[in-house]
PDB file of N, CA and C in Angstrom:
ATOM      1  N   MET A   1      14.735  18.027   0.193  1.00  0.00           N
ATOM      2  CA  MET A   1      13.610  17.948  -0.741  1.00  0.00           C
ATOM      3  C   MET A   1      13.436  19.122  -1.529  1.00  0.00           C
ATOM      4  N   ILE A   2      13.821  20.343  -1.110  1.00  0.00           N
ATOM      5  CA  ILE A   2      13.718  21.386  -2.120  1.00  0.00           C
ATOM      6  C   ILE A   2      14.616  21.122  -3.334  1.00  0.00           C
ATOM      7  N   ASP A   3      15.792  20.629  -3.088  1.00  0.00           N
ATOM      8  CA  ASP A   3      16.632  20.187  -4.435  1.00  0.00           C
ATOM      9  C   ASP A   3      16.146  19.556  -5.093  1.00  0.00           C
ATOM     10  N   TYR A   4      15.258  18.376  -4.776  1.00  0.00           N
ATOM     11  CA  TYR A   4      14.592  17.217  -5.406  1.00  0.00           C
ATOM     12  C   TYR A   4      13.433  18.182  -6.170  1.00  0.00           C
ATOM     13  N   ARG A   5      12.721  18.872  -5.378  1.00  0.00           N
ATOM     14  CA  ARG A   5      11.519  19.404  -6.083  1.00  0.00           C
ATOM     15  C   ARG A   5      12.050  20.292  -7.236  1.00  0.00           C
ATOM     16  N   GLU A   6      13.091  21.165  -7.318  1.00  0.00           N
ATOM     17  CA  GLU A   6      13.589  22.207  -8.305  1.00  0.00           C
ATOM     18  C   GLU A   6      14.495  21.601  -9.460  1.00  0.00           C
ATOM     19  N   ARG A   7      14.676  20.220  -9.282  1.00  0.00           N
ATOM     20  CA  ARG A   7      15.580  19.549 -10.364  1.00  0.00           C
ATOM     21  C   ARG A   7      14.757  19.351 -11.776  1.00  0.00           C
ATOM     22  N   PRO A   8      15.552  19.643 -12.751  1.00  0.00           N
ATOM     23  CA  PRO A   8      14.743  19.401 -14.225  1.00  0.00           C
ATOM     24  C   PRO A   8      14.362  17.495 -14.042  1.00  0.00           C
ATOM     25  N   VAL A   9      13.234  17.418 -14.824  1.00  0.00           N
ATOM     26  CA  VAL A   9      12.671  16.010 -14.722  1.00  0.00           C
ATOM     27  C   VAL A   9      12.799  15.602 -16.164  1.00  0.00           C
ATOM     28  N   ASP A  10      13.191  14.500 -15.995  1.00  0.00           N
ATOM     29  CA  ASP A  10      13.142  13.499 -17.553  1.00  0.00           C
ATOM     30  C   ASP A  10      11.842  13.237 -18.016  1.00  0.00           C
ATOM     31  N   PRO A  11      11.326  13.747 -18.967  1.00  0.00           N
ATOM     32  CA  PRO A  11       9.884  13.599 -19.239  1.00  0.00           C
ATOM     33  C   PRO A  11       9.772  11.923 -19.582  1.00  0.00           C
ATOM     34  N   ASN A  12      10.729  11.283 -19.722  1.00  0.00           N
ATOM     35  CA  ASN A  12      10.463   9.914 -20.297  1.00  0.00           C
ATOM     36  C   ASN A  12      10.413   9.008 -18.802  1.00  0.00           C
ATOM     37  N   ALA A  13      10.888   9.661 -17.740  1.00  0.00           N
ATOM     38  CA  ALA A  13      10.656   9.217 -16.264  1.00  0.00           C
ATOM     39  C   ALA A  13       9.330   9.269 -15.569  1.00  0.00           C
ATOM     40  N   LEU A  14       8.297  10.088 -16.303  1.00  0.00           N
ATOM     41  CA  LEU A  14       7.128  10.156 -15.752  1.00  0.00           C
ATOM     42  C   LEU A  14       6.396   8.595 -15.628  1.00  0.00           C
ATOM     43  N   ARG A  15       5.773   8.160 -14.924  1.00  0.00           N
ATOM     44  CA  ARG A  15       4.936   6.963 -14.573  1.00  0.00           C
ATOM     45  C   ARG A  15       3.709   6.818 -15.291  1.00  0.00           C
ATOM     46  N   ASP A  16       3.468   5.588 -15.505  1.00  0.00           N
ATOM     47  CA  ASP A  16       2.245   5.210 -16.399  1.00  0.00           C
ATOM     48  C   ASP A  16       0.923   5.638 -15.823  1.00  0.00           C
ATOM     49  N   THR A  17       0.990   5.847 -14.546  1.00  0.00           N
ATOM     50  CA  THR A  17      -0.051   6.174 -13.895  1.00  0.00           C
ATOM     51  C   THR A  17      -0.501   7.756 -13.573  1.00  0.00           C
ATOM     52  N   ALA A  18       0.072   8.398 -14.575  1.00  0.00           N
ATOM     53  CA  ALA A  18      -0.093  10.060 -14.527  1.00  0.00           C
ATOM     54  C   ALA A  18      -1.491  10.439 -14.890  1.00  0.00           C
ATOM     55  N   GLU A  19      -2.103  11.340 -14.342  1.00  0.00           N
ATOM     56  CA  GLU A  19      -3.195  12.016 -14.618  1.00  0.00           C
ATOM     57  C   GLU A  19      -3.201  13.508 -15.141  1.00  0.00           C
ATOM     58  N   SER A  20      -3.740  14.110 -16.258  1.00  0.00           N
ATOM     59  CA  SER A  20      -3.814  15.346 -16.500  1.00  0.00           C
ATOM     60  C   SER A  20      -4.371  16.172 -15.512  1.00  0.00           C
ATOM     61  N   ASP A  21      -4.052  17.317 -15.242  1.00  0.00           N
ATOM     62  CA  ASP A  21      -4.489  18.270 -14.314  1.00  0.00           C
ATOM     63  C   ASP A  21      -4.335  19.739 -14.790  1.00  0.00           C
ATOM     64  N   GLU A  22      -4.920  20.601 -14.077  1.00  0.00           N
ATOM     65  CA  GLU A  22      -4.962  22.035 -14.155  1.00  0.00           C
ATOM     66  C   GLU A  22      -5.054  22.714 -12.779  1.00  0.00           C
ATOM     67  N   ASN A  23      -4.069  23.419 -12.525  1.00  0.00           N
ATOM     68  CA  ASN A  23      -3.966  24.004 -11.186  1.00  0.00           C
ATOM     69  C   ASN A  23      -4.856  25.219 -11.070  1.00  0.00           C
ATOM     70  N   ASP A  24      -4.964  25.942 -10.055  1.00  0.00           N
ATOM     71  CA  ASP A  24      -6.015  27.220 -10.011  1.00  0.00           C
ATOM     72  C   ASP A  24      -5.509  28.336 -10.791  1.00  0.00           C
ATOM     73  N   SER A  25      -4.355  28.433 -11.250  1.00  0.00           N
ATOM     74  CA  SER A  25      -3.791  29.484 -12.038  1.00  0.00           C
ATOM     75  C   SER A  25      -4.246  29.354 -13.493  1.00  0.00           C
ATOM     76  N   GLY A  26      -4.741  27.985 -13.850  1.00  0.00           N
ATOM     77  CA  GLY A  26      -5.104  27.639 -15.141  1.00  0.00           C
ATOM     78  C   GLY A  26      -3.913  26.989 -15.856  1.00  0.00           C
ATOM     79  N   GLN A  27      -2.725  26.609 -15.281  1.00  0.00           N
ATOM     80  CA  GLN A  27      -1.550  25.980 -15.684  1.00  0.00           C
ATOM     81  C   GLN A  27      -1.903  24.417 -15.627  1.00  0.00           C
ATOM     82  N   SER A  28      -1.724  23.964 -16.943  1.00  0.00           N
ATOM     83  CA  SER A  28      -2.196  22.363 -17.093  1.00  0.00           C
ATOM     84  C   SER A  28      -0.602  21.960 -16.654  1.00  0.00           C
ATOM     85  N   GLY A  29      -0.757  20.434 -16.478  1.00  0.00           N
ATOM     86  CA  GLY A  29       0.326  19.737 -16.191  1.00  0.00           C
ATOM     87  C   GLY A  29      -0.151  18.196 -15.970  1.00  0.00           C
ATOM     88  N   THR A  30       0.860  17.184 -15.513  1.00  0.00           N
ATOM     89  CA  THR A  30       0.458  15.862 -15.039  1.00  0.00           C
ATOM     90  C   THR A  30       1.044  15.906 -13.805  1.00  0.00           C
ATOM     91  N   VAL A  31      -0.467  14.896 -12.946  1.00  0.00           N
ATOM     92  CA  VAL A  31      -0.294  14.668 -11.666  1.00  0.00           C
ATOM     93  C   VAL A  31       0.396  13.320 -11.439  1.00  0.00           C
ATOM     94  N   VAL A  32       1.365  12.978 -10.674  1.00  0.00           N
ATOM     95  CA  VAL A  32       1.976  11.718 -10.611  1.00  0.00           C
ATOM     96  C   VAL A  32       2.162  11.103  -9.059  1.00  0.00           C
ATOM     97  N   LYS A  33       2.277  10.095  -8.602  1.00  0.00           N
ATOM     98  CA  LYS A  33       2.027   9.694  -7.352  1.00  0.00           C
ATOM     99  C   LYS A  33       3.717   8.999  -7.366  1.00  0.00           C
ATOM    100  N   GLU A  34       4.540   9.359  -6.429  1.00  0.00           N
ATOM    101  CA  GLU A  34       5.934   9.007  -6.264  1.00  0.00           C
ATOM    102  C   GLU A  34       6.291   8.695  -4.808  1.00  0.00           C
ATOM    103  N   LYS A  35       7.164   7.775  -5.023  1.00  0.00           N
ATOM    104  CA  LYS A  35       7.837   7.411  -3.371  1.00  0.00           C
ATOM    105  C   LYS A  35       9.054   8.341  -3.903  1.00  0.00           C
ATOM    106  N   VAL A  36       9.795   8.867  -2.930  1.00  0.00           N
ATOM    107  CA  VAL A  36      11.061   9.266  -2.776  1.00  0.00           C
ATOM    108  C   VAL A  36      12.149   9.346  -1.840  1.00  0.00           C
ATOM    109  N   ARG A  37      13.468   9.476  -1.865  1.00  0.00           N
ATOM    110  CA  ARG A  37      14.290   9.435  -1.004  1.00  0.00           C
ATOM    111  C   ARG A  37      14.430  10.935  -0.325  1.00  0.00           C
ATOM    112  N   CYS A  38      14.660  10.807   1.010  1.00  0.00           N
ATOM    113  CA  CYS A  38      14.591  12.097   1.507  1.00  0.00           C
ATOM    114  C   CYS A  38      16.162  12.711   1.573  1.00  0.00           C
ATOM    115  N   GLY A  39      17.073  12.013   1.319  1.00  0.00           N
ATOM    116  CA  GLY A  39      18.573  12.411   1.147  1.00  0.00           C
ATOM    117  C   GLY A  39      19.337  12.686   2.569  1.00  0.00           C
ATOM    118  N   ASP A  40      18.383  12.012   3.664  1.00  0.00           N
ATOM    119  CA  ASP A  40      19.214  12.108   4.983  1.00  0.00           C
ATOM    120  C   ASP A  40      20.139  10.788   4.774  1.00  0.00           C
ATOM    121  N   GLU A  41      21.418  10.877   4.888  1.00  0.00           N
ATOM    122  CA  GLU A  41      22.067   9.607   4.562  1.00  0.00           C
ATOM    123  C   GLU A  41      22.125   8.722   5.992  1.00  0.00           C
ATOM    124  N   THR A  42      21.570   8.870   7.030  1.00  0.00           N
ATOM    125  CA  THR A  42      21.329   7.944   7.918  1.00  0.00           C
ATOM    126  C   THR A  42      19.682   7.326   7.685  1.00  0.00           C
ATOM    127  N   CYS A  43      19.101   7.625   7.140  1.00  0.00           N
ATOM    128  CA  CYS A  43      17.537   7.158   6.618  1.00  0.00           C
ATOM    129  C   CYS A  43      17.888   5.844   5.755  1.00  0.00           C
ATOM    130  N   LYS A  44      16.839   4.982   6.113  1.00  0.00           N
ATOM    131  CA  LYS A  44      16.956   3.471   5.420  1.00  0.00           C
ATOM    132  C   LYS A  44      16.645   3.686   4.111  1.00  0.00           C
ATOM    133  N   CYS A  45      16.079   5.174   3.587  1.00  0.00           N
ATOM    134  CA  CYS A  45      15.555   5.202   2.274  1.00  0.00           C
ATOM    135  C   CYS A  45      16.944   5.420   1.181  1.00  0.00           C
ATOM    136  N   VAL A  46      17.805   5.347   1.725  1.00  0.00           N
ATOM    137  CA  VAL A  46      19.098   5.694   0.902  1.00  0.00           C
ATOM    138  C   VAL A  46      19.529   4.503   0.194  1.00  0.00           C
ATOM    139  N   SER A  47      19.072   3.108   0.909  1.00  0.00           N
ATOM    140  CA  SER A  47      19.277   1.935   0.442  1.00  0.00           C
ATOM    141  C   SER A  47      18.944   1.808  -1.212  1.00  0.00           C
ATOM    142  N   GLY A  48      17.758   2.451  -1.376  1.00  0.00           N
ATOM    143  CA  GLY A  48      17.419   2.534  -2.803  1.00  0.00           C
ATOM    144  C   GLY A  48      16.364   1.167  -3.135  1.00  0.00           C
ATOM    145  N   ASP A  49      16.031   0.647  -1.931  1.00  0.00           N
ATOM    146  CA  ASP A  49      14.964  -0.131  -2.109  1.00  0.00           C
ATOM    147  C   ASP A  49      13.417   0.600  -1.881  1.00  0.00           C
ATOM    148  N   ALA A  50      12.990   0.279  -2.919  1.00  0.00           N
ATOM    149  CA  ALA A  50      11.462   1.036  -2.951  1.00  0.00           C
ATOM    150  C   ALA A  50      10.546   0.813  -1.686  1.00  0.00           C
ATOM    151  N   ALA A  51      10.663  -0.206  -1.136  1.00  0.00           N
ATOM    152  CA  ALA A  51       9.763  -0.437  -0.117  1.00  0.00           C
ATOM    153  C   ALA A  51      10.365   0.455   1.167  1.00  0.00           C
ATOM    154  N   ASP A  52      11.466   0.898   0.927  1.00  0.00           N
ATOM    155  CA  ASP A  52      12.187   1.778   2.184  1.00  0.00           C
ATOM    156  C   ASP A  52      11.756   3.328   1.913  1.00  0.00           C
ATOM    157  N   MET A  53      11.414   3.815   0.448  1.00  0.00           N
ATOM    158  CA  MET A  53      11.361   5.111   0.274  1.00  0.00           C
ATOM    159  C   MET A  53      10.043   5.762   0.984  1.00  0.00           C
ATOM    160  N   HIS A  54      10.302   7.055   1.024  1.00  0.00           N
ATOM    161  CA  HIS A  54       9.014   7.694   1.687  1.00  0.00           C
ATOM    162  C   HIS A  54       7.898   8.035   0.655  1.00  0.00           C
ATOM    163  N   GLY A  55       6.686   8.205   1.170  1.00  0.00           N
ATOM    164  CA  GLY A  55       5.398   8.495   0.201  1.00  0.00           C
ATOM    165  C   GLY A  55       4.262   7.342   0.340  1.00  0.00           C
ATOM    166  N   PRO A  56       3.629   7.401  -0.731  1.00  0.00           N
ATOM    167  CA  PRO A  56       3.779   8.174  -1.967  1.00  0.00           C
ATOM    168  C   PRO A  56       3.320   9.544  -1.690  1.00  0.00           C
ATOM    169  N   TYR A  57       3.990  10.264  -2.652  1.00  0.00           N
ATOM    170  CA  TYR A  57       3.576  11.910  -2.886  1.00  0.00           C
ATOM    171  C   TYR A  57       2.961  12.357  -4.017  1.00  0.00           C
ATOM    172  N   GLN A  58       2.099  13.354  -3.971  1.00  0.00           N
ATOM    173  CA  GLN A  58       1.809  13.805  -5.511  1.00  0.00           C
ATOM    174  C   GLN A  58       2.522  14.914  -6.145  1.00  0.00           C
ATOM    175  N   TYR A  59       3.008  14.817  -7.229  1.00  0.00           N
ATOM    176  CA  TYR A  59       3.535  15.855  -7.780  1.00  0.00           C
ATOM    177  C   TYR A  59       3.057  16.346  -8.870  1.00  0.00           C
ATOM    178  N   ARG A  60       3.047  17.403  -9.430  1.00  0.00           N
ATOM    179  CA  ARG A  60       2.600  18.144 -10.751  1.00  0.00           C
ATOM    180  C   ARG A  60       3.740  18.560 -11.742  1.00  0.00           C
ATOM    181  N   TYR A  61       3.813  17.699 -12.564  1.00  0.00           N
ATOM    182  CA  TYR A  61       4.774  18.066 -13.795  1.00  0.00           C
ATOM    183  C   TYR A  61       4.478  18.824 -14.705  1.00  0.00           C
ATOM    184  N   TYR A  62       4.989  19.995 -15.345  1.00  0.00           N
ATOM    185  CA  TYR A  62       4.678  20.820 -16.498  1.00  0.00           C
ATOM    186  C   TYR A  62       5.829  21.621 -16.827  1.00  0.00           C
ATOM    187  N   ARG A  63       5.766  22.087 -18.108  1.00  0.00           N
ATOM    188  CA  ARG A  63       6.876  22.551 -18.761  1.00  0.00           C
ATOM    189  C   ARG A  63       6.591  24.193 -18.369  1.00  0.00           C
ATOM    190  N   GLU A  64       7.867  24.683 -17.996  1.00  0.00           N
ATOM    191  CA  GLU A  64       7.941  26.017 -17.899  1.00  0.00           C
ATOM    192  C   GLU A  64       8.983  26.571 -18.639  1.00  0.00           C
ATOM    193  N   ASP A  65       8.938  27.559 -19.768  1.00  0.00           N
ATOM    194  CA  ASP A  65      10.022  27.739 -21.024  1.00  0.00           C
ATOM    195  C   ASP A  65      10.250  26.185 -21.480  1.00  0.00           C
ATOM    196  N   ARG A  66      11.462  26.016 -21.419  1.00  0.00           N
ATOM    197  CA  ARG A  66      11.798  24.653 -22.164  1.00  0.00           C
ATOM    198  C   ARG A  66      12.313  23.638 -20.977  1.00  0.00           C
ATOM    199  N   THR A  67      11.919  23.895 -19.695  1.00  0.00           N
ATOM    200  CA  THR A  67      12.488  23.050 -18.548  1.00  0.00           C
ATOM    201  C   THR A  67      11.210  22.318 -18.208  1.00  0.00           C
ATOM    202  N   MET A  68      11.351  21.127 -18.020  1.00  0.00           N
ATOM    203  CA  MET A  68      10.157  20.273 -17.237  1.00  0.00           C
ATOM    204  C   MET A  68      10.287  20.750 -15.415  1.00  0.00           C
ATOM    205  N   THR A  69       9.429  21.099 -14.874  1.00  0.00           N
ATOM    206  CA  THR A  69       9.243  21.488 -13.528  1.00  0.00           C
ATOM    207  C   THR A  69       8.346  20.639 -12.735  1.00  0.00           C
ATOM    208  N   SER A  70       8.656  20.567 -11.530  1.00  0.00           N
ATOM    209  CA  SER A  70       7.632  19.537 -10.731  1.00  0.00           C
ATOM    210  C   SER A  70       7.210  20.597  -9.524  1.00  0.00           C
ATOM    211  N   GLU A  71       5.901  20.365  -8.905  1.00  0.00           N
ATOM    212  CA  GLU A  71       5.218  21.141  -7.951  1.00  0.00           C
ATOM    213  C   GLU A  71       5.012  19.977  -6.977  1.00  0.00           C
ATOM    214  N   TYR A  72       5.194  20.245  -5.726  1.00  0.00           N
ATOM    215  CA  TYR A  72       4.797  19.227  -4.781  1.00  0.00           C
ATOM    216  C   TYR A  72       3.212  19.488  -4.355  1.00  0.00           C
ATOM    217  N   LEU A  73       2.575  18.493  -4.372  1.00  0.00           N
ATOM    218  CA  LEU A  73       1.150  18.691  -4.119  1.00  0.00           C
ATOM    219  C   LEU A  73       0.848  18.054  -2.882  1.00  0.00           C
ATOM    220  N   GLY A  74       1.560  17.409  -1.896  1.00  0.00           N
ATOM    221  CA  GLY A  74       1.209  16.709  -0.971  1.00  0.00           C
ATOM    222  C   GLY A  74       0.882  15.310  -0.906  1.00  0.00           C
ATOM    223  N   LYS A  75       0.440  14.754   0.047  1.00  0.00           N
ATOM    224  CA  LYS A  75      -0.011  13.256   0.124  1.00  0.00           C
ATOM    225  C   LYS A  75      -1.131  13.282  -0.310  1.00  0.00           C
ATOM    226  N   PRO A  76      -1.534  12.117  -1.155  1.00  0.00           N
ATOM    227  CA  PRO A  76      -2.826  11.752  -1.781  1.00  0.00           C
ATOM    228  C   PRO A  76      -3.704  11.721  -0.526  1.00  0.00           C
ATOM    229  N   SER A  77      -5.141  12.091  -0.752  1.00  0.00           N
ATOM    230  CA  SER A  77      -6.116  11.970   0.178  1.00  0.00           C
ATOM    231  C   SER A  77      -6.705  10.586  -0.121  1.00  0.00           C
TER     232      SER A  77
END
Protein backbone atom coordinates (compact mmCIF):
# COMPACT_ATOMS: atom_id res chain seq x y z
CA MET A 1 0.00 0.00 0.00
CA ILE A 2 2.88 2.39 0.79
CA ASP A 3 4.43 1.80 -2.64
CA TYR A 4 1.06 2.56 -4.23
CA ARG A 5 0.69 5.82 -2.32
CA GLU A 6 4.20 7.05 -3.15
CA ARG A 7 4.24 6.28 -6.86
CA PRO A 8 3.91 9.14 -9.37
CA VAL A 9 0.40 9.63 -10.71
CA ASP A 10 -0.57 10.16 -14.33
CA PRO A 11 -2.75 13.31 -14.24
CA ASN A 12 -4.78 11.90 -17.15
CA ALA A 13 -5.79 8.97 -14.91
CA LEU A 14 -7.69 11.16 -12.44
CA ARG A 15 -11.38 10.35 -12.35
CA ASP A 16 -14.17 12.65 -13.49
CA THR A 17 -15.67 12.64 -9.97
CA ALA A 18 -12.76 14.57 -8.49
CA GLU A 19 -13.37 17.43 -6.07
CA SER A 20 -11.09 20.36 -5.36
CA ASP A 21 -9.78 20.47 -1.78
CA GLU A 22 -7.31 22.19 0.51
CA ASN A 23 -5.67 20.45 3.48
CA ASP A 24 -4.99 21.89 6.94
CA SER A 25 -1.61 23.27 5.89
CA GLY A 26 -3.22 25.23 3.03
CA GLN A 27 -1.92 22.93 0.28
CA SER A 28 -4.53 22.51 -2.45
CA GLY A 29 -5.26 19.35 -4.38
CA THR A 30 -7.97 17.14 -5.82
CA VAL A 31 -9.82 14.51 -3.76
CA VAL A 32 -10.72 11.31 -5.60
CA LYS A 33 -12.52 8.13 -4.47
CA GLU A 34 -10.75 5.03 -5.80
CA LYS A 35 -10.84 1.27 -5.54
CA VAL A 36 -7.39 -0.30 -5.24
CA ARG A 37 -5.54 -3.59 -5.44
CA CYS A 38 -3.77 -4.53 -2.20
CA GLY A 39 -0.84 -6.30 -3.85
CA ASP A 40 -1.34 -9.56 -1.94
CA GLU A 41 -0.92 -12.22 -4.63
CA THR A 42 -3.41 -14.52 -2.88
CA CYS A 43 -6.17 -11.86 -2.74
CA LYS A 44 -9.03 -11.89 -5.23
CA CYS A 45 -8.33 -8.23 -6.10
CA VAL A 46 -5.34 -9.35 -8.18
CA SER A 47 -7.76 -10.60 -10.85
CA GLY A 48 -8.24 -7.00 -11.98
CA ASP A 49 -12.03 -7.23 -11.78
CA ALA A 50 -13.26 -3.90 -10.36
CA ALA A 51 -15.87 -5.74 -8.27
CA ASP A 52 -13.08 -7.54 -6.39
CA MET A 53 -10.98 -4.45 -5.64
CA HIS A 54 -10.82 -2.85 -2.17
CA GLY A 55 -12.42 0.45 -1.29
CA PRO A 56 -13.46 2.95 -2.21
CA TYR A 57 -10.83 5.01 -0.42
CA GLN A 58 -10.20 8.73 -0.69
CA TYR A 59 -6.91 10.12 -1.96
CA ARG A 60 -5.83 13.72 -2.41
CA TYR A 61 -3.68 14.32 -5.48
CA TYR A 62 -1.42 17.36 -5.64
CA ARG A 63 1.76 18.53 -7.32
CA GLU A 64 4.97 18.60 -5.32
CA ASP A 65 7.65 20.25 -7.43
CA ARG A 66 7.13 18.55 -10.81
CA THR A 67 5.73 15.29 -9.47
CA MET A 68 2.08 14.37 -9.02
CA THR A 69 1.74 12.99 -5.47
CA SER A 70 -1.09 11.23 -3.68
CA GLU A 71 -2.06 11.33 -0.02
CA TYR A 72 -4.30 8.65 1.53
CA LEU A 73 -7.27 10.23 3.33
CA GLY A 74 -9.14 7.09 4.42
CA LYS A 75 -12.58 5.68 3.75
CA PRO A 76 -15.30 8.17 2.80
CA SER A 77 -17.74 8.91 5.59
